[in-house]
Amino acid sequence: GGDAQRLVPPASETILNVSGELPRDGEA
């Protein structure tokens, strides 16, 4: 029970994965 709380790693960094054409300008 005590270890269960330690099994969760700290909040991770993020990865950006681009798979299509991104907006070039404007509000988008």
PDB file of all heavy atoms in Angstrom:
ATOM      1  N   GLY A   1       0.822  -1.208   0.000  1.00  0.00           N
ATOM      2  CA  GLY A   1       0.000   0.000   0.000  1.00  0.00           C
ATOM      3  C   GLY A   1       0.849   1.248   0.000  1.00  0.00           C
ATOM      4  O   GLY A   1       0.575   2.198  -0.711  1.00  0.00           O
ATOM      5  N   GLY A   2       1.924   1.248   0.784  1.00  0.00           N
ATOM      6  CA  GLY A   2       2.813   2.400   0.799  1.00  0.00           C
ATOM      7  C   GLY A   2       3.554   2.548  -0.513  1.00  0.00           C
ATOM      8  O   GLY A   2       3.749   3.647  -1.003  1.00  0.00           O
ATOM      9  N   ASP A   3       3.992   1.427  -1.092  1.00  0.00           N
ATOM     10  CA  ASP A   3       4.728   1.481  -2.349  1.00  0.00           C
ATOM     11  C   ASP A   3       3.839   1.858  -3.513  1.00  0.00           C
ATOM     12  O   ASP A   3       4.324   2.378  -4.503  1.00  0.00           O
ATOM     13  CB  ASP A   3       5.392   0.131  -2.644  1.00  0.00           C
ATOM     14  CG  ASP A   3       6.577  -0.123  -1.718  1.00  0.00           C
ATOM     15  OD1 ASP A   3       7.037   0.845  -1.091  1.00  0.00           O
ATOM     16  OD2 ASP A   3       7.027  -1.266  -1.626  1.00  0.00           O
ATOM     17  N   ALA A   4       2.539   1.586  -3.412  1.00  0.00           N
ATOM     18  CA  ALA A   4       1.639   1.877  -4.536  1.00  0.00           C
ATOM     19  C   ALA A   4       1.722   3.346  -4.910  1.00  0.00           C
ATOM     20  O   ALA A   4       1.705   3.694  -6.078  1.00  0.00           O
ATOM     21  CB  ALA A   4       0.199   1.513  -4.173  1.00  0.00           C
ATOM     22  N   GLN A   5       1.838   4.211  -3.899  1.00  0.00           N
ATOM     23  CA  GLN A   5       1.912   5.632  -4.186  1.00  0.00           C
ATOM     24  C   GLN A   5       3.251   6.004  -4.821  1.00  0.00           C
ATOM     25  O   GLN A   5       3.351   7.011  -5.488  1.00  0.00           O
ATOM     26  CB  GLN A   5       1.676   6.431  -2.923  1.00  0.00           C
ATOM     27  CG  GLN A   5       0.260   6.268  -2.404  1.00  0.00           C
ATOM     28  CD  GLN A   5       0.015   7.059  -1.139  1.00  0.00           C
ATOM     29  OE1 GLN A   5       0.711   8.002  -0.849  1.00  0.00           O
ATOM     30  NE2 GLN A   5      -0.983   6.663  -0.380  1.00  0.00           N
ATOM     31  N   ARG A   6       4.283   5.171  -4.599  1.00  0.00           N
ATOM     32  CA  ARG A   6       5.581   5.475  -5.199  1.00  0.00           C
ATOM     33  C   ARG A   6       5.721   4.879  -6.597  1.00  0.00           C
ATOM     34  O   ARG A   6       6.695   5.146  -7.284  1.00  0.00           O
ATOM     35  CB  ARG A   6       6.694   4.961  -4.294  1.00  0.00           C
ATOM     36  CG  ARG A   6       6.847   5.787  -3.025  1.00  0.00           C
ATOM     37  CD  ARG A   6       8.108   5.427  -2.296  1.00  0.00           C
ATOM     38  NE  ARG A   6       8.024   4.150  -1.640  1.00  0.00           N
ATOM     39  CZ  ARG A   6       7.585   3.965  -0.411  1.00  0.00           C
ATOM     40  NH1 ARG A   6       7.176   4.978   0.298  1.00  0.00           N
ATOM     41  NH2 ARG A   6       7.548   2.766   0.131  1.00  0.00           N
ATOM     42  N   LEU A   7       4.780   4.052  -7.024  1.00  0.00           N
ATOM     43  CA  LEU A   7       4.873   3.427  -8.333  1.00  0.00           C
ATOM     44  C   LEU A   7       4.575   4.399  -9.467  1.00  0.00           C
ATOM     45  O   LEU A   7       4.905   4.136 -10.606  1.00  0.00           O
ATOM     46  CB  LEU A   7       3.897   2.245  -8.433  1.00  0.00           C
ATOM     47  CG  LEU A   7       4.250   1.026  -7.590  1.00  0.00           C
ATOM     48  CD1 LEU A   7       3.172  -0.029  -7.721  1.00  0.00           C
ATOM     49  CD2 LEU A   7       5.595   0.455  -7.983  1.00  0.00           C
ATOM     50  N   VAL A   8       3.929   5.517  -9.166  1.00  0.00           N
ATOM     51  CA  VAL A   8       3.604   6.492 -10.194  1.00  0.00           C
ATOM     52  C   VAL A   8       4.806   7.407 -10.383  1.00  0.00           C
ATOM     53  O   VAL A   8       5.227   8.081  -9.456  1.00  0.00           O
ATOM     54  CB  VAL A   8       2.373   7.327  -9.803  1.00  0.00           C
ATOM     55  CG1 VAL A   8       2.052   8.339 -10.878  1.00  0.00           C
ATOM     56  CG2 VAL A   8       1.198   6.409  -9.553  1.00  0.00           C
ATOM     57  N   PRO A   9       5.391   7.435 -11.583  1.00  0.00           N
ATOM     58  CA  PRO A   9       6.537   8.318 -11.804  1.00  0.00           C
ATOM     59  C   PRO A   9       6.100   9.775 -11.796  1.00  0.00           C
ATOM     60  O   PRO A   9       4.919  10.071 -11.955  1.00  0.00           O
ATOM     61  CB  PRO A   9       7.050   7.904 -13.190  1.00  0.00           C
ATOM     62  CG  PRO A   9       5.887   7.254 -13.848  1.00  0.00           C
ATOM     63  CD  PRO A   9       5.035   6.661 -12.759  1.00  0.00           C
ATOM     64  N   PRO A  10       7.052  10.683 -11.607  1.00  0.00           N
ATOM     65  CA  PRO A  10       6.690  12.106 -11.648  1.00  0.00           C
ATOM     66  C   PRO A  10       6.082  12.472 -12.994  1.00  0.00           C
ATOM     67  O   PRO A  10       6.332  11.801 -13.995  1.00  0.00           O
ATOM     68  CB  PRO A  10       8.036  12.822 -11.461  1.00  0.00           C
ATOM     69  CG  PRO A  10       8.964  11.796 -10.919  1.00  0.00           C
ATOM     70  CD  PRO A  10       8.459  10.470 -11.374  1.00  0.00           C
ATOM     71  N   ALA A  11       5.295  13.532 -13.018  1.00  0.00           N
ATOM     72  CA  ALA A  11       4.670  13.968 -14.267  1.00  0.00           C
ATOM     73  C   ALA A  11       5.739  14.146 -15.341  1.00  0.00           C
ATOM     74  O   ALA A  11       6.751  14.799 -15.138  1.00  0.00           O
ATOM     75  CB  ALA A  11       3.919  15.271 -14.048  1.00  0.00           C
ATOM     76  N   SER A  12       5.501  13.528 -16.473  1.00  0.00           N
ATOM     77  CA  SER A  12       6.499  13.429 -17.527  1.00  0.00           C
ATOM     78  C   SER A  12       6.551  14.675 -18.399  1.00  0.00           C
ATOM     79  O   SER A  12       5.602  15.441 -18.478  1.00  0.00           O
ATOM     80  CB  SER A  12       6.137  12.218 -18.398  1.00  0.00           C
ATOM     81  OG  SER A  12       6.983  12.103 -19.495  1.00  0.00           O
ATOM     82  N   GLU A  13       7.678  14.849 -19.064  1.00  0.00           N
ATOM     83  CA  GLU A  13       7.792  15.852 -20.109  1.00  0.00           C
ATOM     84  C   GLU A  13       6.932  15.404 -21.294  1.00  0.00           C
ATOM     85  O   GLU A  13       6.526  14.253 -21.372  1.00  0.00           O
ATOM     86  CB  GLU A  13       9.249  16.010 -20.539  1.00  0.00           C
ATOM     87  CG  GLU A  13      10.137  16.574 -19.456  1.00  0.00           C
ATOM     88  CD  GLU A  13       9.734  17.981 -19.043  1.00  0.00           C
ATOM     89  OE1 GLU A  13       9.473  18.813 -19.942  1.00  0.00           O
ATOM     90  OE2 GLU A  13       9.661  18.245 -17.836  1.00  0.00           O
ATOM     91  N   THR A  14       6.710  16.312 -22.231  1.00  0.00           N
ATOM     92  CA  THR A  14       5.855  15.979 -23.365  1.00  0.00           C
ATOM     93  C   THR A  14       6.641  15.881 -24.664  1.00  0.00           C
ATOM     94  O   THR A  14       7.733  16.436 -24.796  1.00  0.00           O
ATOM     95  CB  THR A  14       4.749  17.040 -23.534  1.00  0.00           C
ATOM     96  OG1 THR A  14       5.356  18.323 -23.663  1.00  0.00           O
ATOM     97  CG2 THR A  14       3.813  17.038 -22.351  1.00  0.00           C
ATOM     98  N   ILE A  15       6.045  15.157 -25.622  1.00  0.00           N
ATOM     99  CA  ILE A  15       6.600  15.016 -26.967  1.00  0.00           C
ATOM    100  C   ILE A  15       5.570  15.545 -27.959  1.00  0.00           C
ATOM    101  O   ILE A  15       4.388  15.204 -27.875  1.00  0.00           O
ATOM    102  CB  ILE A  15       6.881  13.535 -27.298  1.00  0.00           C
ATOM    103  CG1 ILE A  15       7.959  12.969 -26.391  1.00  0.00           C
ATOM    104  CG2 ILE A  15       7.280  13.372 -28.754  1.00  0.00           C
ATOM    105  CD1 ILE A  15       8.219  11.490 -26.616  1.00  0.00           C
ATOM    106  N   LEU A  16       6.031  16.357 -28.898  1.00  0.00           N
ATOM    107  CA  LEU A  16       5.179  16.864 -29.971  1.00  0.00           C
ATOM    108  C   LEU A  16       5.372  15.980 -31.195  1.00  0.00           C
ATOM    109  O   LEU A  16       6.499  15.743 -31.622  1.00  0.00           O
ATOM    110  CB  LEU A  16       5.550  18.318 -30.309  1.00  0.00           C
ATOM    111  CG  LEU A  16       4.901  18.922 -31.556  1.00  0.00           C
ATOM    112  CD1 LEU A  16       3.392  19.027 -31.388  1.00  0.00           C
ATOM    113  CD2 LEU A  16       5.509  20.286 -31.851  1.00  0.00           C
ATOM    114  N   ASN A  17       4.266  15.488 -31.754  1.00  0.00           N
ATOM    115  CA  ASN A  17       4.314  14.652 -32.949  1.00  0.00           C
ATOM    116  C   ASN A  17       3.447  15.310 -34.024  1.00  0.00           C
ATOM    117  O   ASN A  17       2.224  15.322 -33.910  1.00  0.00           O
ATOM    118  CB  ASN A  17       3.812  13.238 -32.620  1.00  0.00           C
ATOM    119  CG  ASN A  17       3.837  12.319 -33.816  1.00  0.00           C
ATOM    120  OD1 ASN A  17       4.374  12.660 -34.865  1.00  0.00           O
ATOM    121  ND2 ASN A  17       3.246  11.155 -33.661  1.00  0.00           N
ATOM    122  N   VAL A  18       4.095  15.876 -35.051  1.00  0.00           N
ATOM    123  CA  VAL A  18       3.385  16.542 -36.141  1.00  0.00           C
ATOM    124  C   VAL A  18       3.179  15.539 -37.269  1.00  0.00           C
ATOM    125  O   VAL A  18       4.124  14.895 -37.717  1.00  0.00           O
ATOM    126  CB  VAL A  18       4.176  17.765 -36.657  1.00  0.00           C
ATOM    127  CG1 VAL A  18       3.478  18.398 -37.845  1.00  0.00           C
ATOM    128  CG2 VAL A  18       4.351  18.777 -35.533  1.00  0.00           C
ATOM    129  N   SER A  19       1.916  15.410 -37.721  1.00  0.00           N
ATOM    130  CA  SER A  19       1.608  14.409 -38.740  1.00  0.00           C
ATOM    131  C   SER A  19       0.872  14.991 -39.949  1.00  0.00           C
ATOM    132  O   SER A  19       0.404  14.245 -40.801  1.00  0.00           O
ATOM    133  CB  SER A  19       0.759  13.289 -38.124  1.00  0.00           C
ATOM    134  OG  SER A  19      -0.432  13.822 -37.588  1.00  0.00           O
ATOM    135  N   GLY A  20       0.745  16.298 -40.006  1.00  0.00           N
ATOM    136  CA  GLY A  20       0.032  16.919 -41.120  1.00  0.00           C
ATOM    137  C   GLY A  20       0.440  18.368 -41.278  1.00  0.00           C
ATOM    138  O   GLY A  20       1.315  18.876 -40.560  1.00  0.00           O
ATOM    139  N   GLU A  21      -0.216  19.047 -42.224  1.00  0.00           N
ATOM    140  CA  GLU A  21       0.120  20.444 -42.491  1.00  0.00           C
ATOM    141  C   GLU A  21      -0.446  21.339 -41.402  1.00  0.00           C
ATOM    142  O   GLU A  21      -1.648  21.314 -41.106  1.00  0.00           O
ATOM    143  CB  GLU A  21      -0.434  20.865 -43.855  1.00  0.00           C
ATOM    144  CG  GLU A  21       0.034  22.235 -44.273  1.00  0.00           C
ATOM    145  CD  GLU A  21      -0.392  22.595 -45.675  1.00  0.00           C
ATOM    146  OE1 GLU A  21      -0.677  21.680 -46.482  1.00  0.00           O
ATOM    147  OE2 GLU A  21      -0.458  23.809 -45.956  1.00  0.00           O
ATOM    148  N   LEU A  22       0.418  22.151 -40.826  1.00  0.00           N
ATOM    149  CA  LEU A  22       0.034  23.028 -39.722  1.00  0.00           C
ATOM    150  C   LEU A  22      -0.497  24.351 -40.253  1.00  0.00           C
ATOM    151  O   LEU A  22      -0.171  24.751 -41.375  1.00  0.00           O
ATOM    152  CB  LEU A  22       1.253  23.289 -38.837  1.00  0.00           C
ATOM    153  CG  LEU A  22       1.866  22.045 -38.172  1.00  0.00           C
ATOM    154  CD1 LEU A  22       3.150  22.423 -37.450  1.00  0.00           C
ATOM    155  CD2 LEU A  22       0.883  21.384 -37.230  1.00  0.00           C
ATOM    156  N   PRO A  23      -1.299  25.061 -39.451  1.00  0.00           N
ATOM    157  CA  PRO A  23      -1.752  26.383 -39.885  1.00  0.00           C
ATOM    158  C   PRO A  23      -0.557  27.329 -40.018  1.00  0.00           C
ATOM    159  O   PRO A  23       0.373  27.273 -39.215  1.00  0.00           O
ATOM    160  CB  PRO A  23      -2.691  26.827 -38.758  1.00  0.00           C
ATOM    161  CG  PRO A  23      -2.297  26.005 -37.580  1.00  0.00           C
ATOM    162  CD  PRO A  23      -1.786  24.709 -38.112  1.00  0.00           C
ATOM    163  N   ARG A  24      -0.596  28.183 -41.052  1.00  0.00           N
ATOM    164  CA  ARG A  24       0.546  29.069 -41.309  1.00  0.00           C
ATOM    165  C   ARG A  24       0.411  30.419 -40.614  1.00  0.00           C
ATOM    166  O   ARG A  24       1.403  31.038 -40.254  1.00  0.00           O
ATOM    167  CB  ARG A  24       0.699  29.282 -42.819  1.00  0.00           C
ATOM    168  CG  ARG A  24       1.101  28.016 -43.540  1.00  0.00           C
ATOM    169  CD  ARG A  24       1.569  28.322 -44.957  1.00  0.00           C
ATOM    170  NE  ARG A  24       1.981  27.079 -45.587  1.00  0.00           N
ATOM    171  CZ  ARG A  24       1.320  26.508 -46.582  1.00  0.00           C
ATOM    172  NH1 ARG A  24       0.232  27.070 -47.058  1.00  0.00           N
ATOM    173  NH2 ARG A  24       1.764  25.391 -47.106  1.00  0.00           N
ATOM    174  N   ASP A  25      -0.822  30.889 -40.464  1.00  0.00           N
ATOM    175  CA  ASP A  25      -1.002  32.224 -39.886  1.00  0.00           C
ATOM    176  C   ASP A  25      -2.396  32.354 -39.274  1.00  0.00           C
ATOM    177  O   ASP A  25      -3.159  31.387 -39.237  1.00  0.00           O
ATOM    178  CB  ASP A  25      -0.779  33.310 -40.939  1.00  0.00           C
ATOM    179  CG  ASP A  25      -1.606  33.074 -42.195  1.00  0.00           C
ATOM    180  OD1 ASP A  25      -2.680  32.436 -42.093  1.00  0.00           O
ATOM    181  OD2 ASP A  25      -1.197  33.512 -43.287  1.00  0.00           O
ATOM    182  N   GLY A  26      -2.695  33.548 -38.826  1.00  0.00           N
ATOM    183  CA  GLY A  26      -4.020  33.833 -38.289  1.00  0.00           C
ATOM    184  C   GLY A  26      -4.248  33.254 -36.906  1.00  0.00           C
ATOM    185  O   GLY A  26      -3.333  32.850 -36.191  1.00  0.00           O
ATOM    186  N   GLU A  27      -5.536  33.230 -36.545  1.00  0.00           N
ATOM    187  CA  GLU A  27      -5.935  32.747 -35.216  1.00  0.00           C
ATOM    188  C   GLU A  27      -5.567  31.282 -35.018  1.00  0.00           C
ATOM    189  O   GLU A  27      -5.158  30.887 -33.928  1.00  0.00           O
ATOM    190  CB  GLU A  27      -7.444  32.951 -35.042  1.00  0.00           C
ATOM    191  CG  GLU A  27      -7.928  32.700 -33.636  1.00  0.00           C
ATOM    192  CD  GLU A  27      -9.404  32.986 -33.464  1.00  0.00           C
ATOM    193  OE1 GLU A  27      -9.960  33.786 -34.240  1.00  0.00           O
ATOM    194  OE2 GLU A  27      -9.999  32.399 -32.553  1.00  0.00           O
ATOM    195  N   ALA A  28      -5.703  30.484 -36.071  1.00  0.00           N
ATOM    196  CA  ALA A  28      -5.366  29.063 -35.964  1.00  0.00           C
ATOM    197  C   ALA A  28      -3.901  28.890 -35.578  1.00  0.00           C
ATOM    198  O   ALA A  28      -3.565  28.055 -34.728  1.00  0.00           O
ATOM    199  CB  ALA A  28      -5.661  28.344 -37.277  1.00  0.00           C
TER     200      ALA A  28
END
